[in-house]
């Protein structure tokens, strides 16, 4: 019988055979490509924001109409 994977565990890089032996597959290992940003110049960007008037919501305000 094949081994069942638990839903909250990550999958191992490989597969199980019918004899329940694990076969490792090197191509299944995730490879992350991260660019080198040492000389990258960051520019300032201005964002316009809209100010909203907010009111305080109280639970007792719902029943003042009744």
N, C-alpha and C. Protein backbone atom coordinates (compact mmCIF):
# COMPACT_ATOMS: atom_id res chain seq x y z
N UNK A 1 0.84 -1.18 0.00
CA UNK A 1 0.00 0.00 0.00
C UNK A 1 0.89 1.25 0.00
N UNK A 2 0.54 2.26 -0.82
CA UNK A 2 1.33 3.48 -0.90
C UNK A 2 1.12 4.34 0.33
N UNK A 3 2.17 5.05 0.70
CA UNK A 3 2.07 5.93 1.86
C UNK A 3 1.25 7.16 1.50
N UNK A 4 0.39 7.56 2.42
CA UNK A 4 -0.46 8.73 2.20
C UNK A 4 0.24 9.96 2.76
N UNK A 5 0.12 11.09 2.05
CA UNK A 5 0.70 12.34 2.53
C UNK A 5 -0.29 13.03 3.45
N UNK A 6 0.22 13.62 4.51
CA UNK A 6 -0.61 14.41 5.40
C UNK A 6 -0.78 15.78 4.76
N UNK A 7 -1.98 16.34 4.83
CA UNK A 7 -2.31 17.57 4.11
C UNK A 7 -1.47 18.76 4.53
N UNK A 8 -1.06 18.85 5.80
CA UNK A 8 -0.36 20.04 6.26
C UNK A 8 1.16 19.93 6.14
N UNK A 9 1.69 18.86 5.62
CA UNK A 9 3.13 18.70 5.44
C UNK A 9 3.50 18.96 3.98
N UNK A 10 4.69 19.53 3.72
CA UNK A 10 5.09 19.75 2.33
C UNK A 10 5.44 18.42 1.65
N UNK A 11 5.26 18.40 0.35
CA UNK A 11 5.55 17.19 -0.41
C UNK A 11 7.06 17.03 -0.57
N UNK A 12 7.54 15.83 -0.40
CA UNK A 12 8.96 15.55 -0.55
C UNK A 12 9.33 15.55 -2.03
N UNK A 13 10.60 15.89 -2.36
CA UNK A 13 11.01 15.94 -3.77
C UNK A 13 11.27 14.55 -4.33
N UNK A 14 10.22 13.88 -4.74
CA UNK A 14 10.34 12.55 -5.30
C UNK A 14 9.00 11.84 -5.29
N UNK A 15 9.03 10.51 -5.36
CA UNK A 15 7.79 9.74 -5.37
C UNK A 15 8.04 8.38 -4.74
N UNK A 16 6.95 7.71 -4.39
CA UNK A 16 7.02 6.36 -3.83
C UNK A 16 6.69 5.34 -4.91
N UNK A 17 7.43 4.24 -4.91
CA UNK A 17 7.16 3.15 -5.85
C UNK A 17 6.11 2.22 -5.25
N UNK A 18 5.74 1.19 -6.00
CA UNK A 18 4.75 0.22 -5.50
C UNK A 18 5.28 -0.58 -4.31
N UNK A 19 6.59 -0.68 -4.21
CA UNK A 19 7.21 -1.38 -3.09
C UNK A 19 7.42 -0.46 -1.89
N UNK A 20 6.81 0.72 -1.92
CA UNK A 20 6.88 1.74 -0.86
C UNK A 20 8.29 2.25 -0.64
N UNK A 21 9.09 2.27 -1.69
CA UNK A 21 10.43 2.86 -1.61
C UNK A 21 10.36 4.28 -2.18
N UNK A 22 11.03 5.20 -1.51
CA UNK A 22 11.03 6.58 -1.96
C UNK A 22 12.13 6.79 -2.97
N UNK A 23 11.80 7.38 -4.13
CA UNK A 23 12.77 7.69 -5.18
C UNK A 23 12.96 9.20 -5.20
N UNK A 24 14.18 9.66 -4.92
CA UNK A 24 14.49 11.09 -4.89
C UNK A 24 14.67 11.61 -6.31
N UNK A 25 14.04 12.75 -6.62
CA UNK A 25 14.16 13.38 -7.94
C UNK A 25 14.74 14.78 -7.73
N UNK A 26 15.96 15.01 -8.21
CA UNK A 26 16.67 16.27 -7.99
C UNK A 26 15.93 17.45 -8.64
N UNK A 27 15.26 17.23 -9.76
CA UNK A 27 14.59 18.30 -10.48
C UNK A 27 13.35 18.83 -9.74
N UNK A 28 12.89 18.12 -8.71
CA UNK A 28 11.70 18.55 -7.97
C UNK A 28 12.03 19.50 -6.83
N UNK A 29 13.33 19.77 -6.57
CA UNK A 29 13.72 20.70 -5.52
C UNK A 29 13.48 22.12 -6.02
N UNK A 30 12.75 22.95 -5.26
CA UNK A 30 12.50 24.32 -5.72
C UNK A 30 13.79 25.13 -5.77
N UNK A 31 13.91 25.92 -6.83
CA UNK A 31 15.10 26.76 -7.02
C UNK A 31 14.64 28.21 -7.11
N UNK A 32 15.10 29.03 -6.19
CA UNK A 32 14.70 30.43 -6.14
C UNK A 32 15.78 31.29 -6.78
N UNK A 33 15.38 32.11 -7.74
CA UNK A 33 16.29 33.03 -8.41
C UNK A 33 16.03 34.42 -7.85
N UNK A 34 17.01 34.97 -7.13
CA UNK A 34 16.86 36.28 -6.49
C UNK A 34 17.87 37.22 -7.12
N UNK A 35 17.43 38.37 -7.65
CA UNK A 35 18.38 39.30 -8.28
C UNK A 35 19.23 40.02 -7.22
N UNK A 36 20.42 40.42 -7.63
CA UNK A 36 21.32 41.18 -6.75
C UNK A 36 20.95 42.66 -6.86
N UNK A 37 20.51 43.27 -5.77
CA UNK A 37 20.06 44.67 -5.78
C UNK A 37 21.01 45.59 -5.01
N UNK A 38 22.29 45.29 -4.97
CA UNK A 38 23.22 46.09 -4.17
C UNK A 38 23.40 47.49 -4.74
N UNK A 39 23.46 47.67 -6.06
CA UNK A 39 23.66 48.99 -6.67
C UNK A 39 22.37 49.58 -7.20
N UNK A 40 21.23 49.06 -6.78
CA UNK A 40 19.94 49.54 -7.27
C UNK A 40 19.58 50.83 -6.55
N UNK A 41 19.26 51.88 -7.31
CA UNK A 41 18.88 53.17 -6.74
C UNK A 41 17.37 53.26 -6.64
N UNK A 42 16.88 53.59 -5.47
CA UNK A 42 15.46 53.70 -5.23
C UNK A 42 15.04 55.16 -5.39
N UNK A 43 13.97 55.40 -6.14
CA UNK A 43 13.46 56.75 -6.35
C UNK A 43 12.29 57.00 -5.40
N UNK A 44 12.15 58.26 -4.98
CA UNK A 44 11.02 58.63 -4.15
C UNK A 44 9.77 58.75 -5.02
N UNK A 45 8.69 58.20 -4.55
CA UNK A 45 7.42 58.26 -5.27
C UNK A 45 6.41 58.91 -4.35
N UNK A 46 5.73 59.95 -4.83
CA UNK A 46 4.71 60.60 -4.02
C UNK A 46 3.34 60.00 -4.30
N UNK A 47 2.62 59.71 -3.24
CA UNK A 47 1.28 59.16 -3.37
C UNK A 47 0.28 60.14 -2.79
N UNK A 48 -0.77 60.42 -3.55
CA UNK A 48 -1.83 61.27 -3.04
C UNK A 48 -2.81 60.42 -2.26
N UNK A 49 -3.14 60.86 -1.07
CA UNK A 49 -4.09 60.12 -0.26
C UNK A 49 -5.30 60.97 0.01
N UNK A 50 -6.44 60.35 0.09
CA UNK A 50 -7.69 61.04 0.39
C UNK A 50 -8.00 60.80 1.86
N UNK A 51 -8.26 61.89 2.58
CA UNK A 51 -8.57 61.73 4.00
C UNK A 51 -10.07 61.50 4.15
N UNK A 52 -10.43 60.46 4.88
CA UNK A 52 -11.82 60.11 5.10
C UNK A 52 -12.20 60.46 6.53
N UNK A 53 -13.44 60.94 6.66
CA UNK A 53 -13.96 61.17 8.00
C UNK A 53 -14.57 59.88 8.50
N UNK A 54 -14.11 59.42 9.62
CA UNK A 54 -14.62 58.17 10.16
C UNK A 54 -15.40 58.45 11.44
N UNK A 55 -16.44 57.69 11.65
CA UNK A 55 -17.21 57.80 12.88
C UNK A 55 -16.98 56.55 13.70
N UNK A 56 -17.08 56.69 15.00
CA UNK A 56 -16.88 55.56 15.89
C UNK A 56 -18.15 54.72 15.90
N UNK A 57 -18.00 53.44 15.64
CA UNK A 57 -19.13 52.52 15.64
C UNK A 57 -19.26 51.90 17.01
N UNK A 58 -20.39 52.10 17.65
CA UNK A 58 -20.66 51.50 18.94
C UNK A 58 -21.82 50.53 18.81
N UNK A 59 -21.76 49.47 19.57
CA UNK A 59 -22.81 48.47 19.52
C UNK A 59 -24.14 49.05 20.01
N UNK A 60 -24.08 49.96 20.97
CA UNK A 60 -25.30 50.54 21.52
C UNK A 60 -26.00 51.47 20.52
N UNK A 61 -25.28 51.99 19.53
CA UNK A 61 -25.89 52.88 18.53
C UNK A 61 -26.87 52.12 17.64
N UNK A 62 -26.73 50.83 17.48
CA UNK A 62 -27.65 50.06 16.65
C UNK A 62 -29.02 50.01 17.27
N UNK A 63 -29.14 50.03 18.58
CA UNK A 63 -30.42 49.85 19.25
C UNK A 63 -31.05 51.17 19.67
N UNK A 64 -30.44 52.30 19.34
CA UNK A 64 -31.03 53.58 19.71
C UNK A 64 -32.25 53.93 18.85
N UNK A 65 -32.41 53.31 17.70
CA UNK A 65 -33.52 53.56 16.79
C UNK A 65 -34.79 52.89 17.32
N UNK A 66 -34.69 51.75 17.97
CA UNK A 66 -35.84 50.99 18.42
C UNK A 66 -36.62 51.70 19.52
